[in-house]
């Protein structure tokens, strides 16, 4: 099962910081659409990381059961 982690306002909106879901043949875009429908996350700006690498959610990526997907609020570097 893939693990999804939420931080900041996104965690507040979902009511949790982590959940596991089975994603058979799903891609990242489908997952984000499902999460938007379930939690209303489209209202938040967010960065998406898959296995600790920031990704473009528009890029094609098939999710594996071993993946860790993280939804992060925007952050500034320094």
N, C-alpha and C. Protein backbone atom coordinates (compact mmCIF):
# COMPACT_ATOMS: atom_id res chain seq x y z
N UNK A 1 0.83 -1.18 0.00
CA UNK A 1 0.00 0.00 0.00
C UNK A 1 0.88 1.25 0.00
N UNK A 2 0.50 2.21 -0.79
CA UNK A 2 1.23 3.47 -0.84
C UNK A 2 0.87 4.30 0.40
N UNK A 3 1.81 5.09 0.85
CA UNK A 3 1.60 5.96 2.01
C UNK A 3 1.49 7.40 1.50
N UNK A 4 0.49 8.11 1.99
CA UNK A 4 0.33 9.53 1.68
C UNK A 4 0.48 10.29 2.99
N UNK A 5 1.35 11.30 2.98
CA UNK A 5 1.58 12.13 4.16
C UNK A 5 1.13 13.56 3.85
N UNK A 6 0.53 14.18 4.86
CA UNK A 6 0.01 15.54 4.71
C UNK A 6 0.66 16.44 5.76
N UNK A 7 0.92 17.69 5.38
CA UNK A 7 1.53 18.65 6.30
C UNK A 7 0.77 19.97 6.26
N UNK A 8 0.88 20.74 7.34
CA UNK A 8 0.32 22.09 7.41
C UNK A 8 -1.19 22.12 7.23
N UNK A 9 -1.65 23.10 6.46
CA UNK A 9 -3.08 23.28 6.22
C UNK A 9 -3.70 22.06 5.55
N UNK A 10 -2.93 21.37 4.78
CA UNK A 10 -3.44 20.18 4.09
C UNK A 10 -3.77 19.10 5.12
N UNK A 11 -2.92 18.92 6.12
CA UNK A 11 -3.21 17.95 7.18
C UNK A 11 -4.45 18.36 7.96
N UNK A 12 -4.61 19.66 8.21
CA UNK A 12 -5.80 20.13 8.90
C UNK A 12 -7.06 19.83 8.09
N UNK A 13 -6.99 20.01 6.77
CA UNK A 13 -8.15 19.77 5.91
C UNK A 13 -8.52 18.29 5.85
N UNK A 14 -7.51 17.42 5.87
CA UNK A 14 -7.79 15.98 5.78
C UNK A 14 -8.13 15.37 7.14
N UNK A 15 -7.72 16.05 8.21
CA UNK A 15 -7.96 15.52 9.55
C UNK A 15 -6.97 14.44 9.94
N UNK A 16 -5.89 14.29 9.14
CA UNK A 16 -4.87 13.30 9.48
C UNK A 16 -3.54 13.73 8.88
N UNK A 17 -2.47 13.12 9.35
CA UNK A 17 -1.15 13.43 8.81
C UNK A 17 -0.64 12.33 7.89
N UNK A 18 -1.31 11.17 7.93
CA UNK A 18 -0.85 10.04 7.13
C UNK A 18 -2.00 9.09 6.88
N UNK A 19 -2.03 8.52 5.67
CA UNK A 19 -2.96 7.44 5.40
C UNK A 19 -2.33 6.50 4.38
N UNK A 20 -2.78 5.26 4.40
CA UNK A 20 -2.32 4.27 3.45
C UNK A 20 -3.48 3.93 2.52
N UNK A 21 -3.17 3.84 1.24
CA UNK A 21 -4.21 3.47 0.28
C UNK A 21 -3.64 2.51 -0.75
N UNK A 22 -4.50 1.65 -1.24
CA UNK A 22 -4.12 0.73 -2.29
C UNK A 22 -4.41 1.39 -3.62
N UNK A 23 -3.42 1.52 -4.44
CA UNK A 23 -3.54 2.22 -5.71
C UNK A 23 -3.12 1.30 -6.85
N UNK A 24 -4.04 0.50 -7.32
CA UNK A 24 -3.72 -0.42 -8.40
C UNK A 24 -3.83 0.31 -9.73
N UNK A 25 -2.72 0.42 -10.43
CA UNK A 25 -2.66 1.06 -11.75
C UNK A 25 -3.16 2.50 -11.76
N UNK A 26 -2.99 3.22 -10.67
CA UNK A 26 -3.39 4.63 -10.62
C UNK A 26 -2.19 5.50 -10.95
N UNK A 27 -2.48 6.66 -11.51
CA UNK A 27 -1.38 7.60 -11.71
C UNK A 27 -1.56 8.76 -10.74
N UNK A 28 -0.52 9.57 -10.65
CA UNK A 28 -0.50 10.66 -9.69
C UNK A 28 -1.63 11.64 -9.92
N UNK A 29 -1.92 11.92 -11.18
CA UNK A 29 -2.99 12.86 -11.51
C UNK A 29 -4.35 12.34 -11.01
N UNK A 30 -4.61 11.04 -11.17
CA UNK A 30 -5.85 10.44 -10.68
C UNK A 30 -5.93 10.51 -9.16
N UNK A 31 -4.81 10.24 -8.50
CA UNK A 31 -4.78 10.30 -7.04
C UNK A 31 -5.12 11.71 -6.56
N UNK A 32 -4.50 12.71 -7.16
CA UNK A 32 -4.76 14.09 -6.73
C UNK A 32 -6.21 14.48 -6.99
N UNK A 33 -6.79 14.02 -8.08
CA UNK A 33 -8.19 14.30 -8.36
C UNK A 33 -9.08 13.67 -7.29
N UNK A 34 -8.78 12.44 -6.90
CA UNK A 34 -9.55 11.76 -5.85
C UNK A 34 -9.43 12.50 -4.53
N UNK A 35 -8.21 12.92 -4.17
CA UNK A 35 -8.01 13.64 -2.91
C UNK A 35 -8.71 15.00 -2.94
N UNK A 36 -8.71 15.66 -4.10
CA UNK A 36 -9.43 16.93 -4.24
C UNK A 36 -10.91 16.73 -4.00
N UNK A 37 -11.48 15.68 -4.57
CA UNK A 37 -12.90 15.40 -4.39
C UNK A 37 -13.22 15.03 -2.94
N UNK A 38 -12.35 14.27 -2.32
CA UNK A 38 -12.59 13.79 -0.96
C UNK A 38 -12.39 14.88 0.09
N UNK A 39 -11.36 15.70 -0.07
CA UNK A 39 -10.98 16.66 0.96
C UNK A 39 -11.05 18.13 0.53
N UNK A 40 -11.32 18.40 -0.72
CA UNK A 40 -11.34 19.78 -1.19
C UNK A 40 -9.97 20.42 -1.22
N UNK A 41 -8.95 19.66 -1.56
CA UNK A 41 -7.58 20.16 -1.50
C UNK A 41 -7.21 21.09 -2.64
N UNK A 42 -8.06 21.19 -3.66
CA UNK A 42 -7.72 22.07 -4.78
C UNK A 42 -7.59 23.53 -4.34
N UNK A 43 -8.14 23.87 -3.20
CA UNK A 43 -8.06 25.26 -2.72
C UNK A 43 -6.68 25.61 -2.17
N UNK A 44 -5.83 24.61 -1.97
CA UNK A 44 -4.51 24.85 -1.41
C UNK A 44 -3.43 24.78 -2.49
N UNK A 45 -2.49 25.71 -2.42
CA UNK A 45 -1.28 25.55 -3.21
C UNK A 45 -0.46 24.48 -2.51
N UNK A 46 0.15 23.63 -3.29
CA UNK A 46 0.91 22.55 -2.67
C UNK A 46 2.03 22.05 -3.57
N UNK A 47 3.03 21.52 -2.93
CA UNK A 47 4.10 20.81 -3.61
C UNK A 47 3.86 19.33 -3.39
N UNK A 48 4.19 18.53 -4.39
CA UNK A 48 4.01 17.09 -4.30
C UNK A 48 5.39 16.44 -4.37
N UNK A 49 5.65 15.55 -3.44
CA UNK A 49 6.90 14.78 -3.46
C UNK A 49 6.56 13.30 -3.53
N UNK A 50 7.28 12.59 -4.37
CA UNK A 50 7.16 11.14 -4.45
C UNK A 50 8.52 10.57 -4.12
N UNK A 51 8.55 9.79 -3.05
CA UNK A 51 9.81 9.19 -2.59
C UNK A 51 10.90 10.25 -2.40
N UNK A 52 10.52 11.34 -1.76
CA UNK A 52 11.39 12.44 -1.35
C UNK A 52 11.92 13.28 -2.50
N UNK A 53 11.25 13.24 -3.66
CA UNK A 53 11.63 14.07 -4.80
C UNK A 53 10.41 14.88 -5.21
N UNK A 54 10.55 16.21 -5.26
CA UNK A 54 9.45 17.07 -5.70
C UNK A 54 9.17 16.77 -7.17
N UNK A 55 7.87 16.56 -7.47
CA UNK A 55 7.47 16.21 -8.84
C UNK A 55 6.43 17.21 -9.34
N UNK A 56 6.28 17.24 -10.65
CA UNK A 56 5.23 18.03 -11.27
C UNK A 56 3.99 17.13 -11.35
N UNK A 57 2.89 17.52 -10.72
CA UNK A 57 1.70 16.66 -10.72
C UNK A 57 1.11 16.44 -12.11
N UNK A 58 1.50 17.26 -13.08
CA UNK A 58 1.02 17.07 -14.45
C UNK A 58 1.79 16.00 -15.21
N UNK A 59 2.97 15.63 -14.71
CA UNK A 59 3.76 14.60 -15.36
C UNK A 59 3.14 13.23 -15.13
N UNK A 60 3.24 12.37 -16.11
CA UNK A 60 2.71 11.01 -15.99
C UNK A 60 3.59 10.23 -15.02
N UNK A 61 2.96 9.64 -14.01
CA UNK A 61 3.68 8.81 -13.06
C UNK A 61 2.72 7.77 -12.53
N UNK A 62 3.02 6.50 -12.71
CA UNK A 62 2.19 5.42 -12.18
C UNK A 62 2.66 5.11 -10.76
N UNK A 63 1.74 5.17 -9.84
CA UNK A 63 2.06 4.98 -8.43
C UNK A 63 2.28 3.50 -8.13
N UNK A 64 3.33 3.24 -7.38
CA UNK A 64 3.66 1.89 -6.94
C UNK A 64 3.22 1.71 -5.48
N UNK A 65 2.97 0.48 -5.07
CA UNK A 65 2.55 0.23 -3.69
C UNK A 65 3.62 0.61 -2.67
N UNK A 66 4.85 0.73 -3.09
CA UNK A 66 5.94 1.06 -2.17
C UNK A 66 6.21 2.56 -2.09
N UNK A 67 5.46 3.37 -2.83
CA UNK A 67 5.71 4.81 -2.88
C UNK A 67 5.24 5.54 -1.63
N UNK A 68 5.96 6.61 -1.32
CA UNK A 68 5.53 7.56 -0.30
C UNK A 68 5.24 8.87 -1.03
N UNK A 69 4.01 9.32 -0.92
CA UNK A 69 3.58 10.56 -1.58
C UNK A 69 3.33 11.59 -0.49
N UNK A 70 3.92 12.76 -0.64
CA UNK A 70 3.81 13.79 0.39
C UNK A 70 3.22 15.04 -0.23
N UNK A 71 2.20 15.60 0.42
CA UNK A 71 1.59 16.87 0.01
C UNK A 71 2.03 17.93 1.00
N UNK A 72 2.78 18.90 0.49
CA UNK A 72 3.40 19.93 1.33
C UNK A 72 2.86 21.30 0.94
N UNK A 73 2.62 22.16 1.93
CA UNK A 73 2.32 23.54 1.60
C UNK A 73 3.58 24.19 1.02
N UNK A 74 3.45 25.25 0.25
CA UNK A 74 4.65 25.91 -0.30
C UNK A 74 5.60 26.32 0.82
N UNK A 75 6.86 26.29 0.52
CA UNK A 75 7.87 26.69 1.51
C UNK A 75 8.93 27.52 0.81
N UNK A 76 9.57 28.34 1.60
CA UNK A 76 10.64 29.20 1.08
C UNK A 76 11.99 28.66 1.52
N UNK A 77 12.95 28.75 0.65
CA UNK A 77 14.29 28.29 0.99
C UNK A 77 15.15 29.45 1.47
N UNK A 78 16.25 29.13 2.01
CA UNK A 78 17.12 30.18 2.49
C UNK A 78 18.53 29.74 2.65
